[in-house]
Every structure is written in structure tokens, then in C-alpha cells.
Amino acid sequence: MKVGVLALQGDVREHVSALIACGINPVHVRRPSELVEVDALILPGGESTTIAQLAEIFGLLDPIKSRIAAGMPVYGSCAGMILLADSILDAKDGQKTFGGLDITVRRNAFGRQVDSFESDITFDDGCPDLIKAVFIRAPWVENIGPGVKVLASVDSHPVAVRSAHLLATSFHPELTGDHRIHRYFIEEVAKPALEKVK
């Protein structure tokens, strides 16, 4: 399986390192010719409006939308969650997303940069161990559509969700050295989705 990391802005290097630790040799995706090489994609944390603008400039916005609609497995962390959401609260004027995930997210829901925090939370992957979650200007999910499963919450706000071939977290597992979320994406989201396509 070829997994790409959208490498326009944000914490690309950290996601690349996490994938390598999971036995995946990732592809940096900066142009449509690189997107067509990958089976699955990670949207990193960063600045969601900047990533969307750069995706449009580099001719990736519509191709990524099309691949998501066609069933490409995608994992988005923090800004990546916003980019996967069908609807955004507190969005900037004209803010675009790739969409595909039937959720409404609130940008910067936990506060500004100075309000960033870490928390040990439960993640519904069958493992009883808590997972360290790093929240940096993080969104949370305000509403979920049918078919969306909540995998983790903080103060009753969903912070990790999944729908078929799409996974999103409002926190940054790539910053902790714990690769459980990346393994979950590869083994439980991407592989089964790709098997259905074959």
C-alpha cells in the first residue's frame, strides 16, 4: 500500500516519521502526478485555510475531492479534520474543504495557541490503554451525520471520528511518538477500504 502525506504546509515530517515507524514508505504529495501514485492519503495538522489555498494553487483541490468521493482512504489530523469536514463553523470567508466526512466542525474550538493542552483519552479501537492526545488550536466536532462513528471525546465533544474510508482526529498523534492512530488508519481503515475496491 502506498500512503501519501499532503506536503504543502503543516507537520508533514512528523506524519512521514510515524508512517515509516509503521513500516510504510510514504510519498510526499505536492502535485496531481504524485497523488495518482498513492492508495491512501494523510492530511496533516497546520493551517487549514492555507493548506486549502495551496491545494487549489497546485491543482490538488479537485483531484483530492474526487479521490475521496471515489473511496480513497484518508486520515486528517487537526487541520486535516477541518479539511475533511462537509461543514465548518467559524470558518474564514470563502474557506474551502475537500469534504467527504459528514460532520460539522468548529475551528479553534478549544481556544487559541496559548490554550493548547495534552490529555490522556480513551480511543475506541479495542485497546484499553489511554492515548496521549495533543491539542493545538484544535477543532471539535459539533454534529455528526449518519454513518459517522465517534472514537474519542473530550468533555462530551467528539475529537476522533470515522466514517467508512475516512478517519479524523482533532489532536496530533504524530507529535507523541505513539503510532497507534496511524496503525489504526492503515490496518482498520485503509486496508479494508482498499480490499473492497479490488
N, C-alpha and C. Protein backbone atom coordinates (compact mmCIF):
# COMPACT_ATOMS: atom_id res chain seq x y z
N MET A 1 0.84 -1.19 0.00
CA MET A 1 0.00 0.00 0.00
C MET A 1 0.88 1.24 0.00
N LYS A 2 0.58 2.16 -0.92
CA LYS A 2 1.29 3.43 -0.97
C LYS A 2 0.46 4.49 -0.26
N VAL A 3 1.04 5.08 0.78
CA VAL A 3 0.35 6.11 1.54
C VAL A 3 1.07 7.44 1.31
N GLY A 4 0.31 8.45 0.93
CA GLY A 4 0.86 9.77 0.72
C GLY A 4 0.59 10.68 1.91
N VAL A 5 1.43 11.70 2.05
CA VAL A 5 1.19 12.77 3.02
C VAL A 5 1.10 14.06 2.22
N LEU A 6 0.00 14.77 2.34
CA LEU A 6 -0.13 16.04 1.64
C LEU A 6 0.92 17.00 2.19
N ALA A 7 1.87 17.38 1.34
CA ALA A 7 3.09 18.05 1.81
C ALA A 7 3.16 19.51 1.37
N LEU A 8 2.06 20.23 1.60
CA LEU A 8 2.00 21.64 1.20
C LEU A 8 2.31 22.58 2.36
N GLN A 9 1.91 22.19 3.58
CA GLN A 9 2.11 23.01 4.76
C GLN A 9 1.76 22.17 5.97
N GLY A 10 2.34 22.47 7.12
CA GLY A 10 1.99 21.77 8.35
C GLY A 10 3.03 20.75 8.77
N ASP A 11 2.64 19.87 9.69
CA ASP A 11 3.60 18.94 10.29
C ASP A 11 3.73 17.66 9.45
N VAL A 12 4.21 17.87 8.24
CA VAL A 12 4.40 16.78 7.27
C VAL A 12 5.45 15.79 7.76
N ARG A 13 6.58 16.31 8.21
CA ARG A 13 7.71 15.45 8.61
C ARG A 13 7.31 14.47 9.70
N GLU A 14 6.51 14.94 10.66
CA GLU A 14 6.11 14.09 11.78
C GLU A 14 5.21 12.94 11.32
N HIS A 15 4.31 13.22 10.38
CA HIS A 15 3.47 12.14 9.84
C HIS A 15 4.31 11.16 9.02
N VAL A 16 5.26 11.67 8.27
CA VAL A 16 6.15 10.80 7.49
C VAL A 16 6.90 9.86 8.43
N SER A 17 7.44 10.41 9.53
CA SER A 17 8.17 9.59 10.51
C SER A 17 7.28 8.52 11.13
N ALA A 18 6.03 8.90 11.44
CA ALA A 18 5.09 7.93 12.04
C ALA A 18 4.78 6.80 11.07
N LEU A 19 4.61 7.13 9.79
CA LEU A 19 4.33 6.09 8.79
C LEU A 19 5.53 5.16 8.61
N ILE A 20 6.72 5.73 8.59
CA ILE A 20 7.94 4.91 8.48
C ILE A 20 8.02 3.94 9.66
N ALA A 21 7.69 4.43 10.86
CA ALA A 21 7.70 3.58 12.05
C ALA A 21 6.68 2.45 11.95
N CYS A 22 5.64 2.66 11.13
CA CYS A 22 4.61 1.63 10.91
C CYS A 22 4.94 0.72 9.73
N GLY A 23 6.13 0.89 9.15
CA GLY A 23 6.54 0.04 8.04
C GLY A 23 6.08 0.51 6.67
N ILE A 24 5.65 1.76 6.58
CA ILE A 24 5.18 2.33 5.32
C ILE A 24 6.23 3.31 4.79
N ASN A 25 6.52 3.24 3.50
CA ASN A 25 7.41 4.20 2.87
C ASN A 25 6.55 5.28 2.20
N PRO A 26 6.33 6.41 2.88
CA PRO A 26 5.34 7.38 2.41
C PRO A 26 5.80 8.19 1.20
N VAL A 27 4.81 8.72 0.49
CA VAL A 27 5.03 9.57 -0.68
C VAL A 27 4.65 11.00 -0.30
N HIS A 28 5.53 11.96 -0.57
CA HIS A 28 5.18 13.36 -0.39
C HIS A 28 4.30 13.78 -1.57
N VAL A 29 3.11 14.27 -1.28
CA VAL A 29 2.18 14.65 -2.33
C VAL A 29 2.11 16.18 -2.41
N ARG A 30 2.62 16.71 -3.53
CA ARG A 30 2.60 18.16 -3.75
C ARG A 30 1.95 18.52 -5.09
N ARG A 31 1.71 17.52 -5.92
CA ARG A 31 1.15 17.79 -7.25
C ARG A 31 0.28 16.60 -7.67
N PRO A 32 -0.60 16.81 -8.64
CA PRO A 32 -1.51 15.73 -9.04
C PRO A 32 -0.80 14.46 -9.49
N SER A 33 0.35 14.57 -10.12
CA SER A 33 1.07 13.38 -10.59
C SER A 33 1.51 12.51 -9.43
N GLU A 34 1.74 13.10 -8.25
CA GLU A 34 2.10 12.31 -7.06
C GLU A 34 0.86 11.74 -6.39
N LEU A 35 -0.25 12.47 -6.47
CA LEU A 35 -1.50 11.97 -5.89
C LEU A 35 -1.94 10.67 -6.56
N VAL A 36 -1.79 10.58 -7.86
CA VAL A 36 -2.26 9.38 -8.56
C VAL A 36 -1.44 8.15 -8.19
N GLU A 37 -0.25 8.35 -7.61
CA GLU A 37 0.60 7.21 -7.22
C GLU A 37 0.16 6.55 -5.93
N VAL A 38 -0.65 7.25 -5.11
CA VAL A 38 -0.94 6.74 -3.77
C VAL A 38 -2.30 6.07 -3.68
N ASP A 39 -2.39 5.13 -2.73
CA ASP A 39 -3.64 4.43 -2.46
C ASP A 39 -4.43 5.10 -1.34
N ALA A 40 -3.72 5.80 -0.45
CA ALA A 40 -4.32 6.44 0.71
C ALA A 40 -3.56 7.73 0.98
N LEU A 41 -4.17 8.62 1.77
CA LEU A 41 -3.58 9.94 1.97
C LEU A 41 -3.77 10.40 3.41
N ILE A 42 -2.76 11.12 3.93
CA ILE A 42 -2.86 11.76 5.23
C ILE A 42 -2.84 13.27 5.03
N LEU A 43 -3.78 13.94 5.68
CA LEU A 43 -3.83 15.40 5.68
C LEU A 43 -3.30 15.87 7.03
N PRO A 44 -2.16 16.54 7.06
CA PRO A 44 -1.50 16.87 8.32
C PRO A 44 -2.13 18.07 9.02
N GLY A 45 -1.75 18.23 10.29
CA GLY A 45 -2.11 19.43 11.01
C GLY A 45 -1.34 20.61 10.43
N GLY A 46 -1.86 21.79 10.66
CA GLY A 46 -1.27 23.00 10.13
C GLY A 46 -2.32 24.09 10.14
N GLU A 47 -2.40 24.86 9.09
CA GLU A 47 -3.40 25.93 8.95
C GLU A 47 -4.34 25.52 7.82
N SER A 48 -5.57 25.20 8.17
CA SER A 48 -6.50 24.60 7.20
C SER A 48 -6.75 25.51 6.00
N THR A 49 -6.88 26.81 6.23
CA THR A 49 -7.15 27.70 5.10
C THR A 49 -5.95 27.77 4.16
N THR A 50 -4.74 27.80 4.73
CA THR A 50 -3.52 27.84 3.91
C THR A 50 -3.37 26.57 3.10
N ILE A 51 -3.61 25.41 3.74
CA ILE A 51 -3.49 24.14 3.03
C ILE A 51 -4.48 24.09 1.87
N ALA A 52 -5.73 24.52 2.11
CA ALA A 52 -6.74 24.51 1.05
C ALA A 52 -6.35 25.46 -0.09
N GLN A 53 -5.84 26.64 0.26
CA GLN A 53 -5.43 27.60 -0.77
C GLN A 53 -4.28 27.05 -1.60
N LEU A 54 -3.30 26.45 -0.92
CA LEU A 54 -2.16 25.87 -1.65
C LEU A 54 -2.59 24.69 -2.50
N ALA A 55 -3.52 23.89 -1.99
CA ALA A 55 -4.02 22.75 -2.77
C ALA A 55 -4.67 23.25 -4.06
N GLU A 56 -5.38 24.36 -3.96
CA GLU A 56 -6.00 24.93 -5.16
C GLU A 56 -4.93 25.45 -6.12
N ILE A 57 -3.94 26.15 -5.60
CA ILE A 57 -2.86 26.70 -6.43
C ILE A 57 -2.10 25.59 -7.15
N PHE A 58 -1.84 24.48 -6.44
CA PHE A 58 -1.07 23.38 -7.01
C PHE A 58 -1.94 22.37 -7.78
N GLY A 59 -3.20 22.70 -7.97
CA GLY A 59 -4.07 21.85 -8.77
C GLY A 59 -4.47 20.56 -8.09
N LEU A 60 -4.52 20.57 -6.75
CA LEU A 60 -4.82 19.35 -6.00
C LEU A 60 -6.21 19.36 -5.36
N LEU A 61 -6.85 20.51 -5.27
CA LEU A 61 -8.12 20.58 -4.54
C LEU A 61 -9.17 19.66 -5.14
N ASP A 62 -9.46 19.82 -6.41
CA ASP A 62 -10.49 18.99 -7.05
C ASP A 62 -10.07 17.53 -7.19
N PRO A 63 -8.79 17.24 -7.55
CA PRO A 63 -8.39 15.82 -7.61
C PRO A 63 -8.51 15.09 -6.27
N ILE A 64 -8.18 15.78 -5.17
CA ILE A 64 -8.33 15.13 -3.86
C ILE A 64 -9.80 14.94 -3.54
N LYS A 65 -10.63 15.94 -3.81
CA LYS A 65 -12.08 15.80 -3.62
C LYS A 65 -12.60 14.58 -4.38
N SER A 66 -12.17 14.45 -5.64
CA SER A 66 -12.63 13.35 -6.48
C SER A 66 -12.18 12.00 -5.94
N ARG A 67 -10.92 11.93 -5.49
CA ARG A 67 -10.41 10.67 -4.95
C ARG A 67 -11.15 10.28 -3.67
N ILE A 68 -11.45 11.27 -2.82
CA ILE A 68 -12.20 10.99 -1.59
C ILE A 68 -13.59 10.46 -1.94
N ALA A 69 -14.25 11.13 -2.88
CA ALA A 69 -15.58 10.70 -3.31
C ALA A 69 -15.56 9.30 -3.91
N ALA A 70 -14.43 8.93 -4.51
CA ALA A 70 -14.30 7.61 -5.13
C ALA A 70 -13.87 6.53 -4.14
N GLY A 71 -13.64 6.93 -2.86
CA GLY A 71 -13.34 5.93 -1.84
C GLY A 71 -11.91 5.85 -1.37
N MET A 72 -11.05 6.80 -1.76
CA MET A 72 -9.67 6.76 -1.28
C MET A 72 -9.64 6.93 0.25
N PRO A 73 -8.96 6.04 0.98
CA PRO A 73 -8.84 6.20 2.42
C PRO A 73 -8.02 7.45 2.76
N VAL A 74 -8.54 8.26 3.68
CA VAL A 74 -7.86 9.49 4.08
C VAL A 74 -7.95 9.63 5.59
N TYR A 75 -6.82 10.04 6.20
CA TYR A 75 -6.79 10.39 7.62
C TYR A 75 -6.38 11.85 7.75
N GLY A 76 -7.14 12.63 8.50
CA GLY A 76 -6.82 14.02 8.73
C GLY A 76 -6.66 14.31 10.21
N SER A 77 -5.54 14.94 10.59
CA SER A 77 -5.34 15.34 11.99
C SER A 77 -5.43 16.86 12.11
N CYS A 78 -6.21 17.32 13.07
CA CYS A 78 -6.41 18.73 13.39
C CYS A 78 -6.88 19.51 12.15
N ALA A 79 -6.01 20.25 11.49
CA ALA A 79 -6.41 20.94 10.26
C ALA A 79 -6.96 19.94 9.24
N GLY A 80 -6.41 18.73 9.25
CA GLY A 80 -6.88 17.69 8.35
C GLY A 80 -8.33 17.30 8.63
N MET A 81 -8.73 17.35 9.91
CA MET A 81 -10.14 17.10 10.25
C MET A 81 -11.03 18.17 9.63
N ILE A 82 -10.59 19.43 9.73
CA ILE A 82 -11.36 20.54 9.14
C ILE A 82 -11.47 20.36 7.63
N LEU A 83 -10.37 19.95 7.00
CA LEU A 83 -10.35 19.79 5.54
C LEU A 83 -11.24 18.64 5.07
N LEU A 84 -11.48 17.66 5.94
CA LEU A 84 -12.36 16.54 5.58
C LEU A 84 -13.83 16.84 5.85
N ALA A 85 -14.10 17.82 6.71
CA ALA A 85 -15.47 18.09 7.13
C ALA A 85 -16.31 18.67 5.99
N ASP A 86 -17.56 18.26 5.97
CA ASP A 86 -18.50 18.82 4.99
C ASP A 86 -18.95 20.23 5.37
N SER A 87 -18.87 20.55 6.67
CA SER A 87 -19.34 21.85 7.14
C SER A 87 -18.42 22.37 8.26
N ILE A 88 -18.17 23.70 8.24
CA ILE A 88 -17.28 24.32 9.22
C ILE A 88 -17.99 25.49 9.90
N LEU A 89 -17.91 25.52 11.23
CA LEU A 89 -18.37 26.68 11.98
C LEU A 89 -17.17 27.57 12.28
N ASP A 90 -17.39 28.88 12.30
CA ASP A 90 -16.31 29.86 12.49
C ASP A 90 -15.29 29.79 11.36
N ALA A 91 -15.76 29.45 10.17
CA ALA A 91 -14.85 29.38 9.01
C ALA A 91 -14.50 30.79 8.54
N LYS A 92 -13.35 30.90 7.92
CA LYS A 92 -12.99 32.16 7.26
C LYS A 92 -13.84 32.31 6.00
N ASP A 93 -14.05 33.54 5.58
CA ASP A 93 -14.85 33.77 4.37
C ASP A 93 -14.26 33.01 3.19
N GLY A 94 -15.11 32.23 2.52
CA GLY A 94 -14.66 31.51 1.33
C GLY A 94 -13.81 30.29 1.61
N GLN A 95 -13.72 29.87 2.88
CA GLN A 95 -12.87 28.72 3.21
C GLN A 95 -13.39 27.46 2.53
N LYS A 96 -12.47 26.73 1.89
CA LYS A 96 -12.83 25.51 1.17
C LYS A 96 -12.31 24.28 1.91
N THR A 97 -12.99 23.16 1.66
CA THR A 97 -12.53 21.88 2.20
C THR A 97 -12.57 20.84 1.09
N PHE A 98 -11.92 19.71 1.36
CA PHE A 98 -12.04 18.57 0.45
C PHE A 98 -13.38 17.88 0.67
N GLY A 99 -13.87 17.93 1.92
CA GLY A 99 -15.15 17.33 2.26
C GLY A 99 -15.14 15.82 2.19
N GLY A 100 -16.32 15.25 2.32
CA GLY A 100 -16.48 13.80 2.27
C GLY A 100 -16.91 13.20 3.59
N LEU A 101 -16.55 13.88 4.70
CA LEU A 101 -16.89 13.39 6.03
C LEU A 101 -18.10 14.17 6.54
N ASP A 102 -19.17 13.46 6.83
CA ASP A 102 -20.45 14.08 7.18
C ASP A 102 -20.44 14.56 8.63
N ILE A 103 -19.64 15.60 8.86
CA ILE A 103 -19.55 16.21 10.18
C ILE A 103 -19.53 17.72 10.04
N THR A 104 -19.89 18.39 11.13
CA THR A 104 -19.70 19.83 11.25
C THR A 104 -18.65 20.06 12.33
N VAL A 105 -17.58 20.76 11.98
CA VAL A 105 -16.51 21.04 12.95
C VAL A 105 -16.51 22.52 13.30
N ARG A 106 -16.01 22.82 14.50
CA ARG A 106 -15.81 24.20 14.91
C ARG A 106 -14.31 24.46 14.97
N ARG A 107 -13.86 25.42 14.16
CA ARG A 107 -12.44 25.77 14.15
C ARG A 107 -12.02 26.38 15.50
N ASN A 108 -10.78 26.07 15.90
CA ASN A 108 -10.19 26.63 17.13
C ASN A 108 -11.14 26.50 18.32
N ALA A 109 -11.86 25.39 18.39
CA ALA A 109 -12.90 25.22 19.41
C ALA A 109 -12.34 25.23 20.83
N PHE A 110 -11.13 24.71 21.00
CA PHE A 110 -10.54 24.64 22.34
C PHE A 110 -9.79 25.93 22.71
N GLY A 111 -9.76 26.89 21.79
CA GLY A 111 -9.09 28.15 22.09
C GLY A 111 -7.89 28.41 21.20
N ARG A 112 -7.16 29.44 21.55
CA ARG A 112 -6.01 29.87 20.75
C ARG A 112 -4.77 29.04 21.08
N GLN A 113 -3.66 29.41 20.46
CA GLN A 113 -2.39 28.69 20.66
C GLN A 113 -2.04 28.56 22.15
N VAL A 114 -2.28 29.63 22.92
CA VAL A 114 -1.92 29.60 24.35
C VAL A 114 -2.79 28.63 25.14
N ASP A 115 -3.91 28.21 24.55
CA ASP A 115 -4.81 27.28 25.22
C ASP A 115 -4.52 25.81 24.86
N SER A 116 -3.44 25.59 24.15
CA SER A 116 -3.08 24.22 23.76
C SER A 116 -2.85 23.37 25.01
N PHE A 117 -3.16 22.07 24.88
CA PHE A 117 -3.03 21.19 26.05
C PHE A 117 -2.86 19.74 25.60
N GLU A 118 -2.45 18.90 26.57
CA GLU A 118 -2.37 17.46 26.36
C GLU A 118 -3.33 16.77 27.31
N SER A 119 -3.87 15.64 26.86
CA SER A 119 -4.78 14.89 27.71
C SER A 119 -4.68 13.41 27.37
N ASP A 120 -4.80 12.55 28.37
CA ASP A 120 -4.86 11.11 28.14
C ASP A 120 -6.33 10.73 27.96
N ILE A 121 -6.65 10.18 26.80
CA ILE A 121 -8.05 9.91 26.47
C ILE A 121 -8.23 8.47 26.02
N THR A 122 -9.47 8.03 26.06
CA THR A 122 -9.84 6.70 25.57
C THR A 122 -10.07 6.78 24.07
N PHE A 123 -9.51 5.83 23.33
CA PHE A 123 -9.72 5.75 21.89
C PHE A 123 -10.33 4.39 21.58
N ASP A 124 -11.47 4.39 20.91
CA ASP A 124 -12.27 3.18 20.72
C ASP A 124 -11.73 2.32 19.57
N ASP A 125 -10.60 1.66 19.84
CA ASP A 125 -10.03 0.75 18.84
C ASP A 125 -9.87 -0.66 19.40
N GLY A 126 -10.48 -0.90 20.56
CA GLY A 126 -10.38 -2.22 21.17
C GLY A 126 -9.26 -2.35 22.17
N CYS A 127 -8.39 -1.33 22.26
CA CYS A 127 -7.28 -1.34 23.22
C CYS A 127 -7.70 -0.56 24.46
N PRO A 128 -7.53 -1.14 25.66
CA PRO A 128 -7.97 -0.45 26.88
C PRO A 128 -7.06 0.71 27.31
N ASP A 129 -5.85 0.75 26.78
CA ASP A 129 -4.89 1.78 27.20
C ASP A 129 -5.33 3.16 26.72
N LEU A 130 -5.09 4.16 27.56
CA LEU A 130 -5.35 5.54 27.16
C LEU A 130 -4.31 5.97 26.13
N ILE A 131 -4.67 6.97 25.37
CA ILE A 131 -3.76 7.50 24.36
C ILE A 131 -3.51 8.98 24.68
N LYS A 132 -2.26 9.40 24.53
CA LYS A 132 -1.93 10.81 24.78
C LYS A 132 -2.34 11.63 23.57
N ALA A 133 -3.16 12.64 23.82
CA ALA A 133 -3.65 13.49 22.75
C ALA A 133 -3.15 14.91 22.95
N VAL A 134 -2.56 15.47 21.90
CA VAL A 134 -2.03 16.83 21.92
C VAL A 134 -2.97 17.72 21.11
N PHE A 135 -3.53 18.73 21.76
CA PHE A 135 -4.49 19.63 21.13
C PHE A 135 -3.85 21.01 20.96
N ILE A 136 -3.74 21.46 19.70
CA ILE A 136 -3.13 22.75 19.40
C ILE A 136 -4.10 23.54 18.51
N ARG A 137 -4.72 24.58 19.06
CA ARG A 137 -5.73 25.35 18.31
C ARG A 137 -6.72 24.38 17.64
N ALA A 138 -7.15 23.41 18.39
CA ALA A 138 -7.84 22.26 17.81
C ALA A 138 -9.32 22.51 17.58
N PRO A 139 -9.86 21.88 16.55
CA PRO A 139 -11.31 21.88 16.36
C PRO A 139 -11.96 20.80 17.23
N TRP A 140 -13.26 20.84 17.30
CA TRP A 140 -14.00 19.67 17.77
C TRP A 140 -15.21 19.49 16.86
N VAL A 141 -15.85 18.35 16.99
CA VAL A 141 -16.99 18.03 16.13
C VAL A 141 -18.27 18.47 16.83
N GLU A 142 -19.04 19.31 16.17
CA GLU A 142 -20.32 19.80 16.73
C GLU A 142 -21.48 18.87 16.36
N ASN A 143 -21.48 18.36 15.14
CA ASN A 143 -22.56 17.49 14.68
C ASN A 143 -21.99 16.37 13.82
N ILE A 144 -22.60 15.20 13.93
CA ILE A 144 -22.20 14.08 13.09
C ILE A 144 -23.40 13.58 12.32
N GLY A 145 -23.15 13.14 11.10
CA GLY A 145 -24.20 12.58 10.27
C GLY A 145 -24.32 11.08 10.47
N PRO A 146 -25.33 10.47 9.86
CA PRO A 146 -25.49 9.02 9.95
C PRO A 146 -24.29 8.32 9.33
N GLY A 147 -23.86 7.26 9.96
CA GLY A 147 -22.71 6.52 9.44
C GLY A 147 -21.38 6.98 9.98
N VAL A 148 -21.39 8.04 10.79
CA VAL A 148 -20.14 8.53 11.40
C VAL A 148 -20.06 7.98 12.82
N LYS A 149 -18.94 7.36 13.14
CA LYS A 149 -18.74 6.78 14.47
C LYS A 149 -17.78 7.65 15.27
N VAL A 150 -18.14 7.93 16.50
CA VAL A 150 -17.26 8.67 17.40
C VAL A 150 -16.30 7.69 18.07
N LEU A 151 -15.00 7.96 17.95
CA LEU A 151 -13.97 7.08 18.51
C LEU A 151 -13.36 7.64 19.79
N ALA A 152 -13.46 8.95 19.99
CA ALA A 152 -12.92 9.58 21.20
C ALA A 152 -13.60 10.91 21.42
N SER A 153 -13.75 11.28 22.71
CA SER A 153 -14.37 12.56 23.06
C SER A 153 -13.61 13.19 24.22
N VAL A 154 -13.71 14.52 24.30
CA VAL A 154 -13.19 15.28 25.44
C VAL A 154 -14.32 16.20 25.89
N ASP A 155 -14.71 16.08 27.17
CA ASP A 155 -15.81 16.90 27.71
C ASP A 155 -17.05 16.82 26.83
N SER A 156 -17.38 15.64 26.40
CA SER A 156 -18.55 15.32 25.58
C SER A 156 -18.45 15.81 24.14
N HIS A 157 -17.33 16.43 23.76
CA HIS A 157 -17.13 16.86 22.38
C HIS A 157 -16.35 15.79 21.62
N PRO A 158 -16.87 15.26 20.52
CA PRO A 158 -16.12 14.28 19.73
C PRO A 158 -14.82 14.89 19.19
N VAL A 159 -13.72 14.15 19.38
CA VAL A 159 -12.41 14.62 18.89
C VAL A 159 -11.74 13.59 17.97
N ALA A 160 -12.40 12.46 17.77
CA ALA A 160 -11.93 11.47 16.80
C ALA A 160 -13.16 10.78 16.22
N VAL A 161 -13.25 10.77 14.90
CA VAL A 161 -14.41 10.19 14.24
C VAL A 161 -13.97 9.39 13.02
N ARG A 162 -14.87 8.50 12.63
CA ARG A 162 -14.59 7.67 11.47
C ARG A 162 -15.88 7.43 10.69
N SER A 163 -15.75 7.41 9.38
CA SER A 163 -16.86 7.06 8.51
C SER A 163 -16.31 6.30 7.32
N ALA A 164 -16.56 5.00 7.29
CA ALA A 164 -16.08 4.15 6.18
C ALA A 164 -14.59 4.34 5.96
N HIS A 165 -14.19 4.98 4.85
CA HIS A 165 -12.78 5.09 4.48
C HIS A 165 -12.12 6.37 4.99
N LEU A 166 -12.81 7.12 5.85
CA LEU A 166 -12.28 8.39 6.34
C LEU A 166 -12.12 8.37 7.86
N LEU A 167 -10.98 8.89 8.34
CA LEU A 167 -10.67 8.98 9.76
C LEU A 167 -10.19 10.39 10.05
N ALA A 168 -10.64 10.97 11.17
CA ALA A 168 -10.19 12.31 11.52
C ALA A 168 -10.05 12.43 13.03
N THR A 169 -8.98 13.12 13.45
CA THR A 169 -8.78 13.45 14.86
C THR A 169 -8.51 14.94 14.97
N SER A 170 -9.00 15.54 16.06
CA SER A 170 -8.71 16.96 16.27
C SER A 170 -7.38 17.14 16.98
N PHE A 171 -6.78 16.05 17.40
CA PHE A 171 -5.48 16.09 18.07
C PHE A 171 -4.37 15.58 17.15
N HIS A 172 -3.15 15.65 17.64
CA HIS A 172 -1.95 15.38 16.83
C HIS A 172 -1.20 14.13 17.33
N PRO A 173 -1.60 12.92 16.93
CA PRO A 173 -0.85 11.74 17.38
C PRO A 173 0.57 11.68 16.81
N GLU A 174 0.81 12.38 15.71
CA GLU A 174 2.14 12.38 15.10
C GLU A 174 3.18 13.09 15.96
N LEU A 175 2.74 13.83 16.98
CA LEU A 175 3.68 14.57 17.83
C LEU A 175 4.06 13.82 19.10
N THR A 176 3.48 12.64 19.33
CA THR A 176 3.66 11.96 20.61
C THR A 176 4.64 10.79 20.59
N GLY A 177 4.96 10.28 19.41
CA GLY A 177 5.78 9.07 19.34
C GLY A 177 4.97 7.79 19.49
N ASP A 178 3.67 7.93 19.74
CA ASP A 178 2.77 6.78 19.82
C ASP A 178 2.08 6.65 18.46
N HIS A 179 2.30 5.52 17.79
CA HIS A 179 1.83 5.37 16.41
C HIS A 179 0.53 4.57 16.30
N ARG A 180 -0.18 4.49 17.41
CA ARG A 180 -1.41 3.69 17.45
C ARG A 180 -2.47 4.20 16.46
N ILE A 181 -2.63 5.50 16.35
CA ILE A 181 -3.64 6.05 15.44
C ILE A 181 -3.25 5.76 13.99
N HIS A 182 -1.98 5.92 13.67
CA HIS A 182 -1.52 5.65 12.30
C HIS A 182 -1.70 4.16 11.96
N ARG A 183 -1.40 3.30 12.93
CA ARG A 183 -1.60 1.86 12.68
C ARG A 183 -3.09 1.55 12.51
N TYR A 184 -3.92 2.20 13.30
CA TYR A 184 -5.37 2.02 13.16
C TYR A 184 -5.81 2.45 11.76
N PHE A 185 -5.32 3.58 11.30
CA PHE A 185 -5.68 4.04 9.96
C PHE A 185 -5.27 3.03 8.90
N ILE A 186 -4.05 2.54 9.00
CA ILE A 186 -3.53 1.60 7.99
C ILE A 186 -4.31 0.27 8.04
N GLU A 187 -4.42 -0.29 9.24
CA GLU A 187 -4.96 -1.65 9.38
C GLU A 187 -6.49 -1.70 9.37
N GLU A 188 -7.15 -0.75 10.01
CA GLU A 188 -8.59 -0.83 10.21
C GLU A 188 -9.40 0.04 9.26
N VAL A 189 -8.77 1.05 8.66
CA VAL A 189 -9.49 1.95 7.75
C VAL A 189 -9.03 1.72 6.31
N ALA A 190 -7.74 1.91 6.06
CA ALA A 190 -7.25 1.88 4.68
C ALA A 190 -7.30 0.48 4.05
N LYS A 191 -6.74 -0.51 4.74
CA LYS A 191 -6.69 -1.85 4.13
C LYS A 191 -8.06 -2.41 3.81
N PRO A 192 -9.03 -2.36 4.75
CA PRO A 192 -10.36 -2.87 4.40
C PRO A 192 -11.02 -2.09 3.27
N ALA A 193 -10.82 -0.76 3.25
CA ALA A 193 -11.42 0.05 2.17
C ALA A 193 -10.82 -0.31 0.83
N LEU A 194 -9.52 -0.53 0.79
CA LEU A 194 -8.86 -0.88 -0.47
C LEU A 194 -9.23 -2.29 -0.92
N GLU A 195 -9.46 -3.18 0.02
CA GLU A 195 -9.88 -4.54 -0.33
C GLU A 195 -11.25 -4.52 -1.03
N LYS A 196 -12.13 -3.63 -0.59
CA LYS A 196 -13.46 -3.53 -1.19
C LYS A 196 -13.37 -3.05 -2.65
N VAL A 197 -12.35 -2.23 -2.93
CA VAL A 197 -12.21 -1.67 -4.27
C VAL A 197 -11.72 -2.71 -5.27
N LYS A 198 -10.93 -3.68 -4.77
CA LYS A 198 -10.32 -4.68 -5.66
C LYS A 198 -11.38 -5.55 -6.32
